[in-house]
Amino acid sequence: MVRNPLTPEQLEAGRRLGQRLRAARGDRPLVEIALTAGISPETLRKIETGRLPTPAFGTIACLSEALDLPVQDLADAWTAALRLRSAS
């Protein structure tokens, strides 16, 4: 299966998601949150830096639980960039 390249809006959405996750993690160690969520620290690092802009839903659900953050907050962070683009 060939995957279409991500749009600039989707890349920006991934950056926003990463920023939201990083803010929610605060001073807690990245390794601790990653392992609690059942993902590798490198995967969490990639999500937080926007290098993995479209993580799987299961990954987001596990991070939501590990950070005690409603999954809707993470969905809102991702879709905010798309809403901003469609409003222009």
C-alpha atoms as a PDB file:
ATOM      1  CA  MET A   1       0.000   0.000   0.000  1.00  0.00           C
ATOM      2  CA  VAL A   2       1.316   3.425  -0.937  1.00  0.00           C
ATOM      3  CA  ARG A   3       0.668   6.136   1.605  1.00  0.00           C
ATOM      4  CA  ASN A   4       0.062   9.686   0.409  1.00  0.00           C
ATOM      5  CA  PRO A   5       2.521  12.259   1.736  1.00  0.00           C
ATOM      6  CA  LEU A   6       1.278  14.231   4.709  1.00  0.00           C
ATOM      7  CA  THR A   7      -0.003  17.720   4.033  1.00  0.00           C
ATOM      8  CA  PRO A   8       1.576  20.770   5.667  1.00  0.00           C
ATOM      9  CA  GLU A   9      -1.539  20.980   7.856  1.00  0.00           C
ATOM     10  CA  GLN A  10      -1.091  17.397   9.030  1.00  0.00           C
ATOM     11  CA  LEU A  11       2.576  18.047   9.815  1.00  0.00           C
ATOM     12  CA  GLU A  12       1.583  21.134  11.821  1.00  0.00           C
ATOM     13  CA  ALA A  13      -1.093  19.082  13.586  1.00  0.00           C
ATOM     14  CA  GLY A  14       1.608  16.601  14.591  1.00  0.00           C
ATOM     15  CA  ARG A  15       3.747  19.410  15.993  1.00  0.00           C
ATOM     16  CA  ARG A  16       0.804  20.700  18.027  1.00  0.00           C
ATOM     17  CA  LEU A  17       0.098  17.226  19.347  1.00  0.00           C
ATOM     18  CA  GLY A  18       3.731  16.847  20.353  1.00  0.00           C
ATOM     19  CA  GLN A  19       3.709  20.204  22.136  1.00  0.00           C
ATOM     20  CA  ARG A  20       0.560  19.228  24.039  1.00  0.00           C
ATOM     21  CA  LEU A  21       2.070  15.933  25.121  1.00  0.00           C
ATOM     22  CA  ARG A  22       5.313  17.602  26.196  1.00  0.00           C
ATOM     23  CA  ALA A  23       3.405  20.191  28.232  1.00  0.00           C
ATOM     24  CA  ALA A  24       1.331  17.465  29.901  1.00  0.00           C
ATOM     25  CA  ARG A  25       4.467  15.481  30.746  1.00  0.00           C
ATOM     26  CA  GLY A  26       6.005  18.489  32.474  1.00  0.00           C
ATOM     27  CA  ASP A  27       9.008  17.538  34.587  1.00  0.00           C
ATOM     28  CA  ARG A  28       8.263  13.816  34.522  1.00  0.00           C
ATOM     29  CA  PRO A  29      10.954  11.773  32.789  1.00  0.00           C
ATOM     30  CA  LEU A  30      10.231  10.896  29.168  1.00  0.00           C
ATOM     31  CA  VAL A  31      11.336   7.311  29.803  1.00  0.00           C
ATOM     32  CA  GLU A  32       8.856   6.916  32.658  1.00  0.00           C
ATOM     33  CA  ILE A  33       5.892   8.113  30.599  1.00  0.00           C
ATOM     34  CA  ALA A  34       6.903   6.088  27.540  1.00  0.00           C
ATOM     35  CA  LEU A  35       7.251   2.862  29.484  1.00  0.00           C
ATOM     36  CA  THR A  36       3.988   3.480  31.359  1.00  0.00           C
ATOM     37  CA  ALA A  37       2.280   3.953  27.980  1.00  0.00           C
ATOM     38  CA  GLY A  38       3.915   0.792  26.603  1.00  0.00           C
ATOM     39  CA  ILE A  39       5.953   2.551  23.918  1.00  0.00           C
ATOM     40  CA  SER A  40       9.634   3.130  23.476  1.00  0.00           C
ATOM     41  CA  PRO A  41      11.206   6.359  24.701  1.00  0.00           C
ATOM     42  CA  GLU A  42      12.350   7.021  21.127  1.00  0.00           C
ATOM     43  CA  THR A  43       8.759   6.798  19.879  1.00  0.00           C
ATOM     44  CA  LEU A  44       7.608   9.316  22.473  1.00  0.00           C
ATOM     45  CA  ARG A  45      10.558  11.570  21.612  1.00  0.00           C
ATOM     46  CA  LYS A  46       9.568  11.434  17.924  1.00  0.00           C
ATOM     47  CA  ILE A  47       5.935  12.262  18.720  1.00  0.00           C
ATOM     48  CA  GLU A  48       6.878  15.147  21.009  1.00  0.00           C
ATOM     49  CA  THR A  49       9.204  16.656  18.412  1.00  0.00           C
ATOM     50  CA  GLY A  50       6.741  16.248  15.544  1.00  0.00           C
ATOM     51  CA  ARG A  51       8.878  13.702  13.678  1.00  0.00           C
ATOM     52  CA  LEU A  52       6.021  11.186  14.079  1.00  0.00           C
ATOM     53  CA  PRO A  53       3.025  13.424  13.330  1.00  0.00           C
ATOM     54  CA  THR A  54       0.373  10.710  12.973  1.00  0.00           C
ATOM     55  CA  PRO A  55       0.818   8.154  15.760  1.00  0.00           C
ATOM     56  CA  ALA A  56      -1.607   5.257  16.003  1.00  0.00           C
ATOM     57  CA  PHE A  57      -4.789   5.769  17.979  1.00  0.00           C
ATOM     58  CA  GLY A  58      -3.750   3.075  20.456  1.00  0.00           C
ATOM     59  CA  THR A  59      -0.529   4.961  21.141  1.00  0.00           C
ATOM     60  CA  ILE A  60      -2.468   8.168  21.805  1.00  0.00           C
ATOM     61  CA  ALA A  61      -4.930   6.335  24.047  1.00  0.00           C
ATOM     62  CA  CYS A  62      -2.083   4.836  26.097  1.00  0.00           C
ATOM     63  CA  LEU A  63      -0.285   8.182  26.360  1.00  0.00           C
ATOM     64  CA  SER A  64      -3.536   9.806  27.424  1.00  0.00           C
ATOM     65  CA  GLU A  65      -3.863   7.301  30.248  1.00  0.00           C
ATOM     66  CA  ALA A  66      -0.185   7.537  31.251  1.00  0.00           C
ATOM     67  CA  LEU A  67      -0.450  11.334  31.450  1.00  0.00           C
ATOM     68  CA  ASP A  68      -3.907  11.309  33.088  1.00  0.00           C
ATOM     69  CA  LEU A  69      -5.064  13.517  30.239  1.00  0.00           C
ATOM     70  CA  PRO A  70      -8.394  13.152  28.430  1.00  0.00           C
ATOM     71  CA  VAL A  71      -7.877  11.718  24.965  1.00  0.00           C
ATOM     72  CA  GLN A  72     -10.157  14.504  23.696  1.00  0.00           C
ATOM     73  CA  ASP A  73      -7.487  17.057  24.704  1.00  0.00           C
ATOM     74  CA  LEU A  74      -5.015  15.298  22.433  1.00  0.00           C
ATOM     75  CA  ALA A  75      -7.551  15.065  19.617  1.00  0.00           C
ATOM     76  CA  ASP A  76      -8.253  18.779  19.975  1.00  0.00           C
ATOM     77  CA  ALA A  77      -4.531  19.565  19.797  1.00  0.00           C
ATOM     78  CA  TRP A  78      -4.220  17.581  16.565  1.00  0.00           C
ATOM     79  CA  THR A  79      -7.349  18.932  14.885  1.00  0.00           C
ATOM     80  CA  ALA A  80      -6.712  22.588  15.858  1.00  0.00           C
ATOM     81  CA  ALA A  81      -4.218  22.995  13.001  1.00  0.00           C
ATOM     82  CA  LEU A  82      -6.693  21.565  10.527  1.00  0.00           C
ATOM     83  CA  ARG A  83      -9.479  23.855  11.755  1.00  0.00           C
ATOM     84  CA  LEU A  84      -7.193  26.899  11.504  1.00  0.00           C
ATOM     85  CA  ARG A  85      -6.340  26.049   7.898  1.00  0.00           C
ATOM     86  CA  SER A  86      -9.947  25.517   6.833  1.00  0.00           C
ATOM     87  CA  ALA A  87     -10.969  28.824   8.427  1.00  0.00           C
ATOM     88  CA  SER A  88      -8.513  30.810   6.273  1.00  0.00           C
END
